[in-house]
């Protein structure tokens, strides 16, 4: 296993909800990352972000790790859920909220 994969796996083990993104949750640096942050914040889900702009190895490595070509990428309990379009569609259909609840992650009830 490469050093980058080991770092990615270590980050995933340490967080129930982890967003690999451009920028930070407080300061997203692309519109797609910003959309996912808005959804997670709206749902009140506790999450952490990994700024792929700070480490080109992680920026490329996460794409290979998930076999998904774009960033942001959302992981729940170590499982890749999707990128911006998938997360937005799941949220609008109520599937994202259900996915969080099925994984024991609290979701703000007013958002359900």
N, C-alpha and C. Protein backbone atom coordinates (compact mmCIF):
# COMPACT_ATOMS: atom_id res chain seq x y z
N UNK A 1 0.85 -1.18 0.00
CA UNK A 1 0.00 0.00 0.00
C UNK A 1 0.90 1.24 0.00
N UNK A 2 0.53 2.22 -0.82
CA UNK A 2 1.33 3.43 -0.90
C UNK A 2 1.14 4.27 0.36
N UNK A 3 2.07 5.19 0.55
CA UNK A 3 2.01 6.10 1.69
C UNK A 3 0.74 6.95 1.62
N UNK A 4 0.36 7.39 0.41
CA UNK A 4 -0.84 8.21 0.26
C UNK A 4 -2.08 7.40 0.63
N UNK A 5 -2.18 6.18 0.15
CA UNK A 5 -3.32 5.33 0.51
C UNK A 5 -3.39 5.11 2.01
N UNK A 6 -2.26 4.92 2.64
CA UNK A 6 -2.23 4.72 4.09
C UNK A 6 -2.73 5.97 4.81
N UNK A 7 -2.34 7.14 4.33
CA UNK A 7 -2.81 8.39 4.95
C UNK A 7 -4.31 8.57 4.74
N UNK A 8 -4.80 8.22 3.55
CA UNK A 8 -6.24 8.33 3.28
C UNK A 8 -7.01 7.39 4.19
N UNK A 9 -6.56 6.14 4.29
CA UNK A 9 -7.24 5.16 5.14
C UNK A 9 -7.21 5.59 6.60
N UNK A 10 -6.10 6.16 7.04
CA UNK A 10 -6.00 6.62 8.43
C UNK A 10 -6.99 7.76 8.68
N UNK A 11 -7.11 8.67 7.72
CA UNK A 11 -8.07 9.78 7.86
C UNK A 11 -9.50 9.23 7.91
N UNK A 12 -9.80 8.25 7.07
CA UNK A 12 -11.15 7.68 7.05
C UNK A 12 -11.48 6.97 8.36
N UNK A 13 -10.50 6.29 8.94
CA UNK A 13 -10.74 5.58 10.21
C UNK A 13 -11.05 6.56 11.33
N UNK A 14 -10.52 7.77 11.24
CA UNK A 14 -10.66 8.73 12.32
C UNK A 14 -11.93 9.56 12.28
N UNK A 15 -12.75 9.40 11.22
CA UNK A 15 -13.94 10.26 11.08
C UNK A 15 -15.11 9.47 10.51
N UNK A 16 -16.27 9.62 11.14
CA UNK A 16 -17.48 8.96 10.62
C UNK A 16 -17.91 9.57 9.29
N UNK A 17 -17.78 10.89 9.18
CA UNK A 17 -18.15 11.59 7.94
C UNK A 17 -16.96 12.46 7.55
N UNK A 18 -16.42 12.18 6.37
CA UNK A 18 -15.22 12.88 5.92
C UNK A 18 -15.41 13.33 4.48
N UNK A 19 -15.11 14.60 4.23
CA UNK A 19 -15.25 15.19 2.91
C UNK A 19 -13.87 15.58 2.39
N UNK A 20 -13.46 14.92 1.31
CA UNK A 20 -12.25 15.33 0.61
C UNK A 20 -12.69 16.44 -0.34
N UNK A 21 -12.12 17.62 -0.18
CA UNK A 21 -12.64 18.80 -0.86
C UNK A 21 -11.53 19.77 -1.22
N UNK A 22 -11.89 20.73 -2.04
CA UNK A 22 -10.98 21.84 -2.34
C UNK A 22 -11.32 22.95 -1.37
N UNK A 23 -10.36 23.27 -0.49
CA UNK A 23 -10.59 24.24 0.56
C UNK A 23 -10.95 23.55 1.85
N UNK A 24 -11.58 24.30 2.73
CA UNK A 24 -11.99 23.78 4.04
C UNK A 24 -13.50 23.98 4.21
N UNK A 25 -14.11 23.29 5.18
CA UNK A 25 -15.54 23.52 5.40
C UNK A 25 -15.86 24.99 5.68
N UNK A 26 -14.95 25.71 6.32
CA UNK A 26 -15.16 27.12 6.61
C UNK A 26 -14.92 28.00 5.39
N UNK A 27 -14.09 27.51 4.45
CA UNK A 27 -13.73 28.32 3.28
C UNK A 27 -13.55 27.42 2.05
N UNK A 28 -14.66 26.90 1.51
CA UNK A 28 -14.56 26.06 0.30
C UNK A 28 -13.96 26.88 -0.84
N UNK A 29 -13.12 26.22 -1.65
CA UNK A 29 -12.46 26.94 -2.73
C UNK A 29 -12.91 26.48 -4.11
N UNK A 30 -14.05 25.81 -4.18
CA UNK A 30 -14.70 25.55 -5.46
C UNK A 30 -16.20 25.41 -5.20
N UNK A 31 -16.99 25.70 -6.22
CA UNK A 31 -18.43 25.67 -6.06
C UNK A 31 -18.98 24.32 -5.70
N UNK A 32 -18.40 23.25 -6.25
CA UNK A 32 -18.90 21.90 -5.97
C UNK A 32 -18.65 21.52 -4.51
N UNK A 33 -17.44 21.83 -4.02
CA UNK A 33 -17.15 21.58 -2.60
C UNK A 33 -18.09 22.40 -1.73
N UNK A 34 -18.33 23.64 -2.13
CA UNK A 34 -19.22 24.52 -1.38
C UNK A 34 -20.64 23.98 -1.30
N UNK A 35 -21.12 23.38 -2.39
CA UNK A 35 -22.48 22.82 -2.38
C UNK A 35 -22.60 21.68 -1.37
N UNK A 36 -21.60 20.79 -1.35
CA UNK A 36 -21.65 19.66 -0.42
C UNK A 36 -21.55 20.17 1.03
N UNK A 37 -20.70 21.15 1.26
CA UNK A 37 -20.60 21.75 2.60
C UNK A 37 -21.94 22.33 3.03
N UNK A 38 -22.63 23.03 2.13
CA UNK A 38 -23.94 23.61 2.46
C UNK A 38 -24.94 22.52 2.84
N UNK A 39 -24.93 21.41 2.11
CA UNK A 39 -25.85 20.32 2.41
C UNK A 39 -25.55 19.72 3.79
N UNK A 40 -24.27 19.44 4.05
CA UNK A 40 -23.89 18.84 5.33
C UNK A 40 -24.21 19.80 6.48
N UNK A 41 -23.93 21.08 6.29
CA UNK A 41 -24.22 22.06 7.33
C UNK A 41 -25.74 22.17 7.56
N UNK A 42 -26.50 22.16 6.49
CA UNK A 42 -27.96 22.23 6.60
C UNK A 42 -28.51 21.05 7.39
N UNK A 43 -27.93 19.88 7.16
CA UNK A 43 -28.38 18.68 7.86
C UNK A 43 -27.85 18.61 9.29
N UNK A 44 -26.90 19.46 9.62
CA UNK A 44 -26.34 19.47 10.97
C UNK A 44 -25.47 18.25 11.25
N UNK A 45 -24.92 17.66 10.21
CA UNK A 45 -24.11 16.46 10.35
C UNK A 45 -22.70 16.85 10.79
N UNK A 46 -22.18 16.24 11.86
CA UNK A 46 -20.79 16.51 12.22
C UNK A 46 -19.86 15.85 11.20
N UNK A 47 -18.95 16.63 10.64
CA UNK A 47 -18.04 16.10 9.63
C UNK A 47 -16.72 16.84 9.67
N UNK A 48 -15.74 16.27 9.02
CA UNK A 48 -14.44 16.90 8.88
C UNK A 48 -14.12 16.98 7.39
N UNK A 49 -13.24 17.90 7.06
CA UNK A 49 -12.83 18.06 5.68
C UNK A 49 -11.33 17.87 5.53
N UNK A 50 -10.94 17.35 4.37
CA UNK A 50 -9.53 17.25 4.01
C UNK A 50 -9.33 18.14 2.79
N UNK A 51 -8.48 19.14 2.93
CA UNK A 51 -8.21 20.07 1.84
C UNK A 51 -7.18 19.45 0.89
N UNK A 52 -7.66 18.98 -0.26
CA UNK A 52 -6.76 18.32 -1.21
C UNK A 52 -5.81 19.31 -1.88
N UNK A 53 -6.09 20.60 -1.77
CA UNK A 53 -5.21 21.60 -2.36
C UNK A 53 -3.90 21.72 -1.58
N UNK A 54 -3.88 21.22 -0.35
CA UNK A 54 -2.67 21.29 0.47
C UNK A 54 -1.70 20.15 0.18
N UNK A 55 -2.15 19.12 -0.52
CA UNK A 55 -1.30 17.95 -0.74
C UNK A 55 -1.66 17.31 -2.09
N UNK A 56 -0.81 17.53 -3.08
CA UNK A 56 -1.11 17.01 -4.42
C UNK A 56 -1.16 15.49 -4.44
N UNK A 57 -0.39 14.84 -3.55
CA UNK A 57 -0.45 13.39 -3.47
C UNK A 57 -1.83 12.90 -3.08
N UNK A 58 -2.44 13.56 -2.09
CA UNK A 58 -3.80 13.21 -1.67
C UNK A 58 -4.80 13.60 -2.76
N UNK A 59 -4.56 14.72 -3.40
CA UNK A 59 -5.48 15.19 -4.46
C UNK A 59 -5.59 14.15 -5.57
N UNK A 60 -4.47 13.58 -5.98
CA UNK A 60 -4.50 12.54 -7.01
C UNK A 60 -4.85 11.18 -6.41
N UNK A 61 -4.32 10.92 -5.22
CA UNK A 61 -4.50 9.62 -4.58
C UNK A 61 -5.94 9.29 -4.26
N UNK A 62 -6.72 10.30 -3.86
CA UNK A 62 -8.12 10.02 -3.50
C UNK A 62 -8.92 9.62 -4.73
N UNK A 63 -8.56 10.15 -5.88
CA UNK A 63 -9.24 9.78 -7.12
C UNK A 63 -9.00 8.32 -7.46
N UNK A 64 -7.78 7.86 -7.24
CA UNK A 64 -7.44 6.46 -7.48
C UNK A 64 -8.05 5.57 -6.40
N UNK A 65 -8.02 6.05 -5.16
CA UNK A 65 -8.54 5.29 -4.03
C UNK A 65 -10.01 4.93 -4.23
N UNK A 66 -10.79 5.90 -4.69
CA UNK A 66 -12.23 5.71 -4.86
C UNK A 66 -12.61 5.28 -6.27
N UNK A 67 -11.66 5.39 -7.18
CA UNK A 67 -11.95 5.17 -8.60
C UNK A 67 -13.03 6.14 -9.08
N UNK A 68 -12.94 7.38 -8.57
CA UNK A 68 -13.88 8.45 -8.92
C UNK A 68 -13.05 9.65 -9.36
N UNK A 69 -13.35 10.23 -10.52
CA UNK A 69 -12.43 11.22 -11.11
C UNK A 69 -12.49 12.64 -10.57
N UNK A 70 -13.50 12.96 -9.75
CA UNK A 70 -13.65 14.35 -9.35
C UNK A 70 -13.64 14.53 -7.84
N UNK A 71 -13.45 15.77 -7.44
CA UNK A 71 -13.48 16.19 -6.05
C UNK A 71 -14.54 17.28 -5.98
N UNK A 72 -15.39 17.29 -4.98
CA UNK A 72 -15.30 16.64 -3.67
C UNK A 72 -15.75 15.18 -3.70
N UNK A 73 -15.36 14.49 -2.63
CA UNK A 73 -15.78 13.10 -2.41
C UNK A 73 -16.19 12.96 -0.95
N UNK A 74 -17.39 12.43 -0.75
CA UNK A 74 -17.91 12.25 0.61
C UNK A 74 -17.84 10.78 1.01
N UNK A 75 -17.33 10.56 2.22
CA UNK A 75 -17.23 9.22 2.79
C UNK A 75 -18.02 9.17 4.09
N UNK A 76 -18.77 8.09 4.28
CA UNK A 76 -19.50 7.86 5.52
C UNK A 76 -19.07 6.51 6.06
N UNK A 77 -18.53 6.52 7.26
CA UNK A 77 -18.03 5.30 7.92
C UNK A 77 -17.03 4.57 7.00
N UNK A 78 -16.18 5.34 6.33
CA UNK A 78 -15.14 4.77 5.49
C UNK A 78 -15.60 4.36 4.10
N UNK A 79 -16.89 4.50 3.81
CA UNK A 79 -17.44 4.09 2.52
C UNK A 79 -17.67 5.31 1.63
N UNK A 80 -17.19 5.24 0.39
CA UNK A 80 -17.40 6.32 -0.57
C UNK A 80 -18.88 6.42 -0.91
N UNK A 81 -19.45 7.61 -0.76
CA UNK A 81 -20.87 7.83 -1.06
C UNK A 81 -21.02 8.46 -2.43
N UNK A 82 -20.23 9.49 -2.73
CA UNK A 82 -20.32 10.11 -4.03
C UNK A 82 -19.72 11.50 -4.06
N UNK A 83 -19.81 12.10 -5.25
CA UNK A 83 -19.37 13.46 -5.47
C UNK A 83 -20.54 14.42 -5.36
N UNK A 84 -20.33 15.62 -5.80
CA UNK A 84 -21.32 16.70 -5.63
C UNK A 84 -22.68 16.34 -6.22
N UNK A 85 -22.72 15.92 -7.48
CA UNK A 85 -24.00 15.65 -8.12
C UNK A 85 -24.78 14.54 -7.41
N UNK A 86 -24.08 13.48 -7.05
CA UNK A 86 -24.73 12.35 -6.36
C UNK A 86 -25.23 12.79 -4.99
N UNK A 87 -24.41 13.54 -4.26
CA UNK A 87 -24.80 13.99 -2.92
C UNK A 87 -26.03 14.91 -3.02
N UNK A 88 -26.01 15.81 -3.99
CA UNK A 88 -27.15 16.73 -4.16
C UNK A 88 -28.43 15.95 -4.49
N UNK A 89 -28.33 14.99 -5.42
CA UNK A 89 -29.51 14.19 -5.79
C UNK A 89 -30.01 13.36 -4.62
N UNK A 90 -29.09 12.75 -3.87
CA UNK A 90 -29.48 11.96 -2.70
C UNK A 90 -30.17 12.85 -1.67
N UNK A 91 -29.62 14.04 -1.44
CA UNK A 91 -30.19 14.98 -0.48
C UNK A 91 -31.62 15.37 -0.89
N UNK A 92 -31.79 15.73 -2.16
CA UNK A 92 -33.10 16.17 -2.63
C UNK A 92 -34.15 15.06 -2.54
N UNK A 93 -33.71 13.81 -2.70
CA UNK A 93 -34.62 12.67 -2.63
C UNK A 93 -34.82 12.16 -1.20
N UNK A 94 -34.07 12.71 -0.24
CA UNK A 94 -34.14 12.24 1.14
C UNK A 94 -33.29 11.02 1.41
N UNK A 95 -32.58 10.54 0.39
CA UNK A 95 -31.76 9.34 0.54
C UNK A 95 -30.51 9.59 1.37
N UNK A 96 -29.95 10.79 1.28
CA UNK A 96 -28.74 11.10 2.03
C UNK A 96 -29.05 11.09 3.53
N UNK A 97 -30.18 11.70 3.89
CA UNK A 97 -30.58 11.72 5.29
C UNK A 97 -30.76 10.29 5.80
N UNK A 98 -31.42 9.45 5.00
CA UNK A 98 -31.62 8.04 5.38
C UNK A 98 -30.28 7.32 5.52
N UNK A 99 -29.36 7.61 4.61
CA UNK A 99 -28.04 6.95 4.65
C UNK A 99 -27.31 7.30 5.94
N UNK A 100 -27.37 8.57 6.32
CA UNK A 100 -26.74 8.97 7.58
C UNK A 100 -27.39 8.25 8.76
N UNK A 101 -28.71 8.25 8.80
CA UNK A 101 -29.42 7.62 9.91
C UNK A 101 -29.12 6.13 10.00
N UNK A 102 -29.06 5.46 8.85
CA UNK A 102 -28.75 4.02 8.82
C UNK A 102 -27.35 3.74 9.36
N UNK A 103 -26.47 4.74 9.28
CA UNK A 103 -25.12 4.59 9.78
C UNK A 103 -24.93 5.19 11.17
N UNK A 104 -26.05 5.50 11.82
CA UNK A 104 -26.00 5.99 13.20
C UNK A 104 -25.53 7.41 13.34
N UNK A 105 -25.70 8.20 12.29
CA UNK A 105 -25.25 9.60 12.32
C UNK A 105 -26.47 10.51 12.43
N UNK A 106 -26.46 11.36 13.44
CA UNK A 106 -27.59 12.26 13.69
C UNK A 106 -27.77 13.25 12.56
N UNK A 107 -29.02 13.47 12.20
CA UNK A 107 -29.39 14.46 11.19
C UNK A 107 -30.41 15.39 11.83
N UNK A 108 -30.28 16.67 11.58
CA UNK A 108 -31.21 17.66 12.11
C UNK A 108 -32.61 17.32 11.65
N UNK A 109 -33.52 17.14 12.56
CA UNK A 109 -34.87 16.66 12.24
C UNK A 109 -35.64 17.63 11.35
N UNK A 110 -35.41 18.92 11.50
CA UNK A 110 -36.13 19.88 10.67
C UNK A 110 -35.78 19.74 9.21
N UNK A 111 -34.65 19.10 8.92
CA UNK A 111 -34.20 18.93 7.55
C UNK A 111 -34.77 17.65 6.92
N UNK A 112 -35.32 16.78 7.73
CA UNK A 112 -35.75 15.48 7.20
C UNK A 112 -37.03 15.59 6.42
